[in-house]
Amino acid sequence: MLTFEAIDVMKHQAKVIAFRKDSFRVSFGDTSGFGDEEDYLRWLEEKKHAFPAGFMLVRENDAYIGQLELSIKEYNGESIGYIHLLYLVPEKRGQGKGLELYQYAKQFFLQYNVASYELRVSPSNTAAINFYRKSGMEAIKIEFDGKIIRMRGMLSHDRDTDLV
């Protein structure tokens, strides 16, 4: 069983940086686009205060195995849910655990009464794209000269439907 623990930036800084950098490696082949670690930690602290339930480390037994970064933002004149990061360590991928993180994200967005949620993914991250498609998301736009795919999922606000 997975548990979700609020990120404490000071306490968890090494773990969140390692997880975020690994997400860059998986998506882009290296961490060169990661930027400054201190800037990331400042951004994380700011966002965590605005959306405390959206910035979580995921624990299985005594080990951290993943991370979620979720918020609400304005896009094209409407409020949407946004998945900044849905991350699992490599050895836990492909075991259905990603679906638990995804369900947590959908429940988070339902609390804010948004109709849709979005994320960006690298076209080279085919495992993630396939996971998001199987979970009901669709590609809606290519951005940054083809380096990023923007995907969208819809929320029905029918609890039984959104738990699937």
N, C-alpha and C. Protein backbone atom coordinates (compact mmCIF):
# COMPACT_ATOMS: atom_id res chain seq x y z
N MET A 1 0.84 -1.19 0.00
CA MET A 1 0.00 0.00 0.00
C MET A 1 0.88 1.24 0.00
N LEU A 2 0.50 2.20 -0.82
CA LEU A 2 1.26 3.44 -0.91
C LEU A 2 0.70 4.47 0.06
N THR A 3 1.59 5.27 0.61
CA THR A 3 1.17 6.40 1.44
C THR A 3 1.76 7.66 0.83
N PHE A 4 1.06 8.76 1.04
CA PHE A 4 1.45 10.04 0.48
C PHE A 4 1.83 10.96 1.63
N GLU A 5 3.03 11.49 1.57
CA GLU A 5 3.58 12.32 2.64
C GLU A 5 3.93 13.70 2.07
N ALA A 6 3.44 14.74 2.73
CA ALA A 6 3.72 16.10 2.27
C ALA A 6 5.22 16.34 2.22
N ILE A 7 5.67 16.95 1.15
CA ILE A 7 7.09 17.26 1.02
C ILE A 7 7.48 18.33 2.02
N ASP A 8 8.54 18.07 2.76
CA ASP A 8 9.20 19.05 3.62
C ASP A 8 10.49 19.39 2.87
N VAL A 9 10.54 20.56 2.27
CA VAL A 9 11.64 20.88 1.36
C VAL A 9 13.00 20.75 2.04
N MET A 10 13.13 21.22 3.26
CA MET A 10 14.42 21.12 3.95
C MET A 10 14.78 19.65 4.23
N LYS A 11 13.84 18.92 4.76
CA LYS A 11 14.09 17.52 5.14
C LYS A 11 14.29 16.61 3.92
N HIS A 12 13.53 16.86 2.86
CA HIS A 12 13.52 15.96 1.70
C HIS A 12 14.28 16.49 0.50
N GLN A 13 15.07 17.56 0.66
CA GLN A 13 15.66 18.20 -0.52
C GLN A 13 16.50 17.25 -1.39
N ALA A 14 17.30 16.40 -0.78
CA ALA A 14 18.13 15.48 -1.59
C ALA A 14 17.24 14.53 -2.39
N LYS A 15 16.18 14.03 -1.77
CA LYS A 15 15.29 13.06 -2.44
C LYS A 15 14.52 13.73 -3.58
N VAL A 16 13.94 14.91 -3.34
CA VAL A 16 13.15 15.55 -4.40
C VAL A 16 14.02 15.99 -5.57
N ILE A 17 15.25 16.43 -5.28
CA ILE A 17 16.16 16.80 -6.37
C ILE A 17 16.53 15.54 -7.17
N ALA A 18 16.85 14.46 -6.48
CA ALA A 18 17.21 13.21 -7.18
C ALA A 18 16.06 12.71 -8.05
N PHE A 19 14.84 12.73 -7.51
CA PHE A 19 13.69 12.27 -8.28
C PHE A 19 13.43 13.17 -9.48
N ARG A 20 13.49 14.49 -9.28
CA ARG A 20 13.23 15.43 -10.37
C ARG A 20 14.29 15.29 -11.46
N LYS A 21 15.55 15.15 -11.04
CA LYS A 21 16.63 14.98 -12.03
C LYS A 21 16.45 13.68 -12.81
N ASP A 22 16.04 12.61 -12.14
CA ASP A 22 15.83 11.36 -12.85
C ASP A 22 14.70 11.52 -13.87
N SER A 23 13.69 12.29 -13.54
CA SER A 23 12.61 12.52 -14.50
C SER A 23 13.14 13.23 -15.75
N PHE A 24 14.11 14.13 -15.58
CA PHE A 24 14.74 14.78 -16.73
C PHE A 24 15.54 13.78 -17.55
N ARG A 25 16.27 12.89 -16.86
CA ARG A 25 17.06 11.87 -17.56
C ARG A 25 16.16 10.98 -18.41
N VAL A 26 15.05 10.54 -17.83
CA VAL A 26 14.12 9.67 -18.54
C VAL A 26 13.50 10.41 -19.73
N SER A 27 13.14 11.67 -19.52
CA SER A 27 12.44 12.43 -20.56
C SER A 27 13.35 12.96 -21.66
N PHE A 28 14.53 13.44 -21.28
CA PHE A 28 15.37 14.17 -22.23
C PHE A 28 16.76 13.55 -22.43
N GLY A 29 17.06 12.46 -21.74
CA GLY A 29 18.33 11.79 -21.91
C GLY A 29 19.43 12.27 -20.99
N ASP A 30 19.26 13.44 -20.38
CA ASP A 30 20.24 13.97 -19.43
C ASP A 30 19.57 15.02 -18.55
N THR A 31 20.33 15.61 -17.63
CA THR A 31 19.76 16.58 -16.70
C THR A 31 20.13 18.02 -17.05
N SER A 32 20.65 18.24 -18.25
CA SER A 32 21.14 19.59 -18.60
C SER A 32 20.03 20.64 -18.53
N GLY A 33 18.78 20.27 -18.76
CA GLY A 33 17.68 21.23 -18.70
C GLY A 33 17.10 21.44 -17.32
N PHE A 34 17.66 20.75 -16.34
CA PHE A 34 17.11 20.84 -14.97
C PHE A 34 17.21 22.24 -14.39
N GLY A 35 18.31 22.90 -14.62
CA GLY A 35 18.50 24.23 -14.06
C GLY A 35 19.16 24.18 -12.69
N ASP A 36 19.01 25.26 -11.95
CA ASP A 36 19.65 25.42 -10.65
C ASP A 36 18.84 24.71 -9.55
N GLU A 37 19.51 23.91 -8.74
CA GLU A 37 18.83 23.18 -7.68
C GLU A 37 18.15 24.12 -6.68
N GLU A 38 18.81 25.21 -6.32
CA GLU A 38 18.23 26.16 -5.36
C GLU A 38 16.98 26.82 -5.93
N ASP A 39 16.98 27.12 -7.23
CA ASP A 39 15.79 27.68 -7.86
C ASP A 39 14.64 26.68 -7.80
N TYR A 40 14.94 25.40 -8.06
CA TYR A 40 13.90 24.37 -7.99
C TYR A 40 13.34 24.27 -6.57
N LEU A 41 14.21 24.28 -5.57
CA LEU A 41 13.74 24.17 -4.18
C LEU A 41 12.90 25.38 -3.78
N ARG A 42 13.28 26.57 -4.24
CA ARG A 42 12.46 27.77 -3.97
C ARG A 42 11.09 27.65 -4.62
N TRP A 43 11.07 27.22 -5.89
CA TRP A 43 9.81 27.03 -6.61
C TRP A 43 8.95 26.01 -5.88
N LEU A 44 9.56 24.92 -5.46
CA LEU A 44 8.84 23.85 -4.76
C LEU A 44 8.23 24.35 -3.46
N GLU A 45 8.99 25.11 -2.71
CA GLU A 45 8.50 25.67 -1.44
C GLU A 45 7.30 26.60 -1.68
N GLU A 46 7.42 27.44 -2.70
CA GLU A 46 6.34 28.37 -3.05
C GLU A 46 5.06 27.63 -3.44
N LYS A 47 5.21 26.66 -4.33
CA LYS A 47 4.05 25.90 -4.80
C LYS A 47 3.45 25.05 -3.69
N LYS A 48 4.29 24.48 -2.87
CA LYS A 48 3.83 23.62 -1.77
C LYS A 48 2.96 24.41 -0.80
N HIS A 49 3.32 25.67 -0.56
CA HIS A 49 2.50 26.50 0.33
C HIS A 49 1.15 26.83 -0.29
N ALA A 50 1.13 27.00 -1.60
CA ALA A 50 -0.14 27.30 -2.28
C ALA A 50 -1.02 26.06 -2.39
N PHE A 51 -0.41 24.89 -2.57
CA PHE A 51 -1.15 23.64 -2.79
C PHE A 51 -0.54 22.53 -1.94
N PRO A 52 -0.73 22.57 -0.62
CA PRO A 52 -0.05 21.62 0.27
C PRO A 52 -0.33 20.15 -0.05
N ALA A 53 -1.53 19.81 -0.47
CA ALA A 53 -1.85 18.41 -0.77
C ALA A 53 -1.38 18.00 -2.16
N GLY A 54 -0.82 18.94 -2.90
CA GLY A 54 -0.39 18.65 -4.26
C GLY A 54 1.08 18.28 -4.40
N PHE A 55 1.84 18.47 -3.34
CA PHE A 55 3.28 18.23 -3.42
C PHE A 55 3.65 17.17 -2.39
N MET A 56 3.72 15.94 -2.89
CA MET A 56 3.81 14.77 -2.02
C MET A 56 4.94 13.84 -2.45
N LEU A 57 5.57 13.24 -1.44
CA LEU A 57 6.43 12.10 -1.68
C LEU A 57 5.58 10.85 -1.50
N VAL A 58 5.88 9.83 -2.25
CA VAL A 58 5.11 8.59 -2.20
C VAL A 58 6.00 7.54 -1.54
N ARG A 59 5.43 6.89 -0.53
CA ARG A 59 6.18 5.93 0.25
C ARG A 59 5.51 4.56 0.13
N GLU A 60 6.36 3.54 0.00
CA GLU A 60 5.90 2.17 0.10
C GLU A 60 6.74 1.51 1.19
N ASN A 61 6.06 1.04 2.23
CA ASN A 61 6.75 0.53 3.41
C ASN A 61 7.66 1.63 3.96
N ASP A 62 8.96 1.39 4.02
CA ASP A 62 9.86 2.39 4.59
C ASP A 62 10.66 3.15 3.54
N ALA A 63 10.29 3.02 2.28
CA ALA A 63 11.09 3.64 1.21
C ALA A 63 10.26 4.63 0.40
N TYR A 64 10.88 5.74 0.05
CA TYR A 64 10.26 6.68 -0.88
C TYR A 64 10.43 6.12 -2.28
N ILE A 65 9.32 6.01 -2.99
CA ILE A 65 9.37 5.42 -4.33
C ILE A 65 8.84 6.37 -5.41
N GLY A 66 8.35 7.54 -5.01
CA GLY A 66 7.80 8.43 -6.02
C GLY A 66 7.53 9.82 -5.49
N GLN A 67 7.08 10.66 -6.41
CA GLN A 67 6.81 12.06 -6.08
C GLN A 67 5.71 12.59 -6.98
N LEU A 68 4.85 13.42 -6.41
CA LEU A 68 3.80 14.11 -7.15
C LEU A 68 3.97 15.61 -6.96
N GLU A 69 3.78 16.36 -8.04
CA GLU A 69 3.72 17.82 -7.98
C GLU A 69 2.49 18.24 -8.77
N LEU A 70 1.48 18.73 -8.05
CA LEU A 70 0.18 19.06 -8.63
C LEU A 70 -0.23 20.47 -8.23
N SER A 71 -0.84 21.20 -9.15
CA SER A 71 -1.35 22.52 -8.80
C SER A 71 -2.54 22.85 -9.70
N ILE A 72 -3.08 24.02 -9.46
CA ILE A 72 -4.13 24.58 -10.30
C ILE A 72 -3.54 25.83 -10.95
N LYS A 73 -3.76 25.99 -12.24
CA LYS A 73 -3.23 27.17 -12.92
C LYS A 73 -4.21 27.65 -13.98
N GLU A 74 -3.98 28.85 -14.43
CA GLU A 74 -4.79 29.41 -15.51
C GLU A 74 -4.14 29.06 -16.85
N TYR A 75 -4.95 28.58 -17.78
CA TYR A 75 -4.46 28.27 -19.11
C TYR A 75 -5.57 28.57 -20.10
N ASN A 76 -5.29 29.41 -21.06
CA ASN A 76 -6.28 29.81 -22.06
C ASN A 76 -7.57 30.31 -21.42
N GLY A 77 -7.44 31.08 -20.33
CA GLY A 77 -8.59 31.70 -19.71
C GLY A 77 -9.42 30.83 -18.81
N GLU A 78 -8.95 29.63 -18.49
CA GLU A 78 -9.71 28.78 -17.57
C GLU A 78 -8.77 28.16 -16.54
N SER A 79 -9.34 27.81 -15.40
CA SER A 79 -8.58 27.11 -14.37
C SER A 79 -8.50 25.63 -14.73
N ILE A 80 -7.30 25.10 -14.69
CA ILE A 80 -7.09 23.69 -14.98
C ILE A 80 -6.22 23.08 -13.89
N GLY A 81 -6.32 21.78 -13.74
CA GLY A 81 -5.37 21.06 -12.91
C GLY A 81 -4.10 20.87 -13.72
N TYR A 82 -2.97 20.86 -13.03
CA TYR A 82 -1.71 20.70 -13.75
C TYR A 82 -0.81 19.71 -13.01
N ILE A 83 -0.34 18.70 -13.74
CA ILE A 83 0.60 17.73 -13.20
C ILE A 83 2.00 18.18 -13.60
N HIS A 84 2.73 18.74 -12.65
CA HIS A 84 4.12 19.14 -12.90
C HIS A 84 5.02 17.92 -12.92
N LEU A 85 4.71 16.95 -12.06
CA LEU A 85 5.53 15.74 -11.97
C LEU A 85 4.69 14.60 -11.42
N LEU A 86 4.75 13.47 -12.10
CA LEU A 86 4.20 12.20 -11.61
C LEU A 86 5.35 11.22 -11.81
N TYR A 87 6.04 10.88 -10.72
CA TYR A 87 7.30 10.16 -10.80
C TYR A 87 7.28 8.90 -9.94
N LEU A 88 7.81 7.83 -10.51
CA LEU A 88 8.09 6.59 -9.78
C LEU A 88 9.52 6.17 -10.06
N VAL A 89 10.19 5.63 -9.05
CA VAL A 89 11.54 5.11 -9.27
C VAL A 89 11.46 3.98 -10.30
N PRO A 90 12.53 3.79 -11.08
CA PRO A 90 12.47 2.82 -12.19
C PRO A 90 12.01 1.42 -11.80
N GLU A 91 12.45 0.93 -10.66
CA GLU A 91 12.10 -0.45 -10.29
C GLU A 91 10.64 -0.63 -9.89
N LYS A 92 9.89 0.47 -9.74
CA LYS A 92 8.47 0.37 -9.38
C LYS A 92 7.54 0.66 -10.56
N ARG A 93 8.12 1.01 -11.70
CA ARG A 93 7.30 1.29 -12.89
C ARG A 93 6.77 0.01 -13.48
N GLY A 94 5.60 0.09 -14.10
CA GLY A 94 5.02 -1.07 -14.76
C GLY A 94 4.36 -2.07 -13.83
N GLN A 95 4.11 -1.66 -12.57
CA GLN A 95 3.50 -2.57 -11.59
C GLN A 95 2.12 -2.09 -11.13
N GLY A 96 1.57 -1.08 -11.79
CA GLY A 96 0.27 -0.55 -11.40
C GLY A 96 0.32 0.55 -10.35
N LYS A 97 1.51 0.85 -9.85
CA LYS A 97 1.63 1.88 -8.81
C LYS A 97 1.40 3.28 -9.38
N GLY A 98 1.76 3.48 -10.64
CA GLY A 98 1.52 4.76 -11.28
C GLY A 98 0.05 5.11 -11.29
N LEU A 99 -0.80 4.10 -11.42
CA LEU A 99 -2.24 4.34 -11.41
C LEU A 99 -2.69 4.90 -10.06
N GLU A 100 -2.06 4.45 -8.97
CA GLU A 100 -2.40 5.00 -7.65
C GLU A 100 -2.02 6.48 -7.55
N LEU A 101 -0.87 6.85 -8.11
CA LEU A 101 -0.47 8.26 -8.12
C LEU A 101 -1.44 9.06 -8.98
N TYR A 102 -1.79 8.49 -10.12
CA TYR A 102 -2.71 9.16 -11.04
C TYR A 102 -4.08 9.38 -10.39
N GLN A 103 -4.56 8.37 -9.67
CA GLN A 103 -5.85 8.51 -8.98
C GLN A 103 -5.77 9.59 -7.89
N TYR A 104 -4.66 9.64 -7.18
CA TYR A 104 -4.47 10.70 -6.18
C TYR A 104 -4.57 12.06 -6.87
N ALA A 105 -3.90 12.19 -8.02
CA ALA A 105 -3.93 13.47 -8.75
C ALA A 105 -5.36 13.84 -9.14
N LYS A 106 -6.11 12.89 -9.67
CA LYS A 106 -7.48 13.19 -10.07
C LYS A 106 -8.34 13.62 -8.88
N GLN A 107 -8.16 12.98 -7.74
CA GLN A 107 -8.91 13.36 -6.54
C GLN A 107 -8.52 14.78 -6.09
N PHE A 108 -7.25 15.09 -6.18
CA PHE A 108 -6.77 16.43 -5.85
C PHE A 108 -7.48 17.46 -6.75
N PHE A 109 -7.52 17.21 -8.05
CA PHE A 109 -8.13 18.16 -8.98
C PHE A 109 -9.64 18.28 -8.76
N LEU A 110 -10.30 17.19 -8.41
CA LEU A 110 -11.73 17.25 -8.14
C LEU A 110 -12.04 18.20 -6.98
N GLN A 111 -11.16 18.28 -6.00
CA GLN A 111 -11.36 19.19 -4.87
C GLN A 111 -11.41 20.65 -5.31
N TYR A 112 -10.78 20.96 -6.43
CA TYR A 112 -10.75 22.33 -6.94
C TYR A 112 -11.80 22.58 -8.01
N ASN A 113 -12.62 21.57 -8.27
CA ASN A 113 -13.74 21.70 -9.19
C ASN A 113 -13.34 22.16 -10.59
N VAL A 114 -12.20 21.65 -11.07
CA VAL A 114 -11.78 21.97 -12.43
C VAL A 114 -12.33 20.91 -13.38
N ALA A 115 -12.53 21.28 -14.63
CA ALA A 115 -13.08 20.36 -15.61
C ALA A 115 -12.01 19.50 -16.28
N SER A 116 -10.76 19.98 -16.26
CA SER A 116 -9.71 19.25 -16.94
C SER A 116 -8.37 19.42 -16.22
N TYR A 117 -7.43 18.59 -16.60
CA TYR A 117 -6.08 18.67 -16.07
C TYR A 117 -5.12 18.38 -17.21
N GLU A 118 -3.93 18.94 -17.12
CA GLU A 118 -2.97 18.81 -18.20
C GLU A 118 -1.58 18.52 -17.66
N LEU A 119 -0.73 18.10 -18.56
CA LEU A 119 0.68 17.90 -18.27
C LEU A 119 1.44 18.02 -19.57
N ARG A 120 2.75 18.10 -19.44
CA ARG A 120 3.63 18.08 -20.60
C ARG A 120 4.54 16.87 -20.47
N VAL A 121 4.83 16.25 -21.61
CA VAL A 121 5.66 15.05 -21.62
C VAL A 121 6.55 15.09 -22.86
N SER A 122 7.74 14.55 -22.72
CA SER A 122 8.66 14.45 -23.85
C SER A 122 8.17 13.39 -24.82
N PRO A 123 8.22 13.66 -26.12
CA PRO A 123 7.82 12.64 -27.10
C PRO A 123 8.65 11.37 -27.01
N SER A 124 9.87 11.47 -26.47
CA SER A 124 10.72 10.29 -26.35
C SER A 124 10.34 9.41 -25.16
N ASN A 125 9.50 9.92 -24.26
CA ASN A 125 9.09 9.16 -23.08
C ASN A 125 7.82 8.36 -23.42
N THR A 126 8.00 7.37 -24.28
CA THR A 126 6.85 6.63 -24.80
C THR A 126 6.12 5.84 -23.72
N ALA A 127 6.84 5.36 -22.71
CA ALA A 127 6.16 4.63 -21.63
C ALA A 127 5.18 5.55 -20.92
N ALA A 128 5.60 6.78 -20.64
CA ALA A 128 4.71 7.74 -19.97
C ALA A 128 3.53 8.09 -20.87
N ILE A 129 3.79 8.35 -22.13
CA ILE A 129 2.71 8.70 -23.07
C ILE A 129 1.68 7.58 -23.13
N ASN A 130 2.16 6.35 -23.24
CA ASN A 130 1.24 5.20 -23.28
C ASN A 130 0.44 5.09 -21.99
N PHE A 131 1.08 5.30 -20.85
CA PHE A 131 0.38 5.27 -19.56
C PHE A 131 -0.71 6.34 -19.52
N TYR A 132 -0.37 7.56 -19.90
CA TYR A 132 -1.36 8.65 -19.85
C TYR A 132 -2.51 8.39 -20.83
N ARG A 133 -2.21 7.87 -22.00
CA ARG A 133 -3.27 7.55 -22.97
C ARG A 133 -4.20 6.47 -22.42
N LYS A 134 -3.61 5.41 -21.85
CA LYS A 134 -4.43 4.34 -21.27
C LYS A 134 -5.28 4.86 -20.12
N SER A 135 -4.81 5.91 -19.47
CA SER A 135 -5.53 6.51 -18.34
C SER A 135 -6.57 7.52 -18.79
N GLY A 136 -6.71 7.71 -20.10
CA GLY A 136 -7.76 8.57 -20.63
C GLY A 136 -7.33 9.95 -21.07
N MET A 137 -6.04 10.24 -21.04
CA MET A 137 -5.58 11.54 -21.51
C MET A 137 -5.34 11.50 -23.01
N GLU A 138 -5.37 12.68 -23.63
CA GLU A 138 -5.08 12.75 -25.06
C GLU A 138 -4.13 13.90 -25.34
N ALA A 139 -3.33 13.72 -26.38
CA ALA A 139 -2.41 14.77 -26.81
C ALA A 139 -3.23 15.89 -27.44
N ILE A 140 -2.94 17.13 -27.03
CA ILE A 140 -3.71 18.25 -27.56
C ILE A 140 -2.86 19.27 -28.30
N LYS A 141 -1.54 19.21 -28.10
CA LYS A 141 -0.70 20.24 -28.70
C LYS A 141 0.76 19.82 -28.64
N ILE A 142 1.51 20.17 -29.67
CA ILE A 142 2.96 20.00 -29.67
C ILE A 142 3.56 21.37 -29.36
N GLU A 143 4.51 21.40 -28.43
CA GLU A 143 5.09 22.68 -28.00
C GLU A 143 6.62 22.63 -28.09
N PHE A 144 7.23 23.80 -27.99
CA PHE A 144 8.69 23.94 -27.97
C PHE A 144 9.35 23.21 -29.14
N ASP A 145 8.85 23.53 -30.35
CA ASP A 145 9.43 22.96 -31.58
C ASP A 145 9.49 21.44 -31.56
N GLY A 146 8.44 20.82 -31.03
CA GLY A 146 8.33 19.37 -31.04
C GLY A 146 9.00 18.67 -29.87
N LYS A 147 9.56 19.43 -28.93
CA LYS A 147 10.25 18.82 -27.79
C LYS A 147 9.30 18.38 -26.69
N ILE A 148 8.06 18.87 -26.73
CA ILE A 148 7.10 18.61 -25.66
C ILE A 148 5.72 18.34 -26.27
N ILE A 149 5.00 17.38 -25.69
CA ILE A 149 3.60 17.13 -26.02
C ILE A 149 2.76 17.55 -24.82
N ARG A 150 1.77 18.39 -25.06
CA ARG A 150 0.82 18.75 -24.00
C ARG A 150 -0.35 17.78 -24.09
N MET A 151 -0.69 17.18 -22.95
CA MET A 151 -1.79 16.22 -22.90
C MET A 151 -2.86 16.72 -21.93
N ARG A 152 -4.11 16.30 -22.18
CA ARG A 152 -5.23 16.72 -21.33
C ARG A 152 -6.10 15.53 -20.97
N GLY A 153 -6.57 15.56 -19.73
CA GLY A 153 -7.57 14.62 -19.26
C GLY A 153 -8.77 15.40 -18.76
N MET A 154 -9.93 14.81 -18.85
CA MET A 154 -11.16 15.47 -18.42
C MET A 154 -11.67 14.84 -17.13
N LEU A 155 -12.30 15.66 -16.31
CA LEU A 155 -12.94 15.18 -15.08
C LEU A 155 -14.44 15.29 -15.23
N SER A 156 -15.15 14.26 -14.83
CA SER A 156 -16.61 14.28 -14.96
C SER A 156 -17.30 14.76 -13.69
N HIS A 157 -16.58 14.78 -12.59
CA HIS A 157 -17.13 15.11 -11.27
C HIS A 157 -18.19 14.11 -10.83
N ASP A 158 -18.17 12.93 -11.46
CA ASP A 158 -18.96 11.78 -11.03
C ASP A 158 -17.97 10.84 -10.35
N ARG A 159 -18.01 10.74 -9.05
CA ARG A 159 -16.99 10.02 -8.28
C ARG A 159 -16.75 8.61 -8.80
N ASP A 160 -17.81 7.91 -9.18
CA ASP A 160 -17.64 6.54 -9.64
C ASP A 160 -16.85 6.51 -10.97
N THR A 161 -17.14 7.44 -11.87
CA THR A 161 -16.46 7.49 -13.15
C THR A 161 -15.00 7.88 -12.97
N ASP A 162 -14.72 8.89 -12.14
CA ASP A 162 -13.37 9.38 -12.00
C ASP A 162 -12.46 8.47 -11.21
N LEU A 163 -12.99 7.48 -10.54
CA LEU A 163 -12.15 6.55 -9.81
C LEU A 163 -11.64 5.41 -10.68
N VAL A 164 -12.13 5.33 -11.91
CA VAL A 164 -11.72 4.25 -12.81
C VAL A 164 -10.36 4.57 -13.40
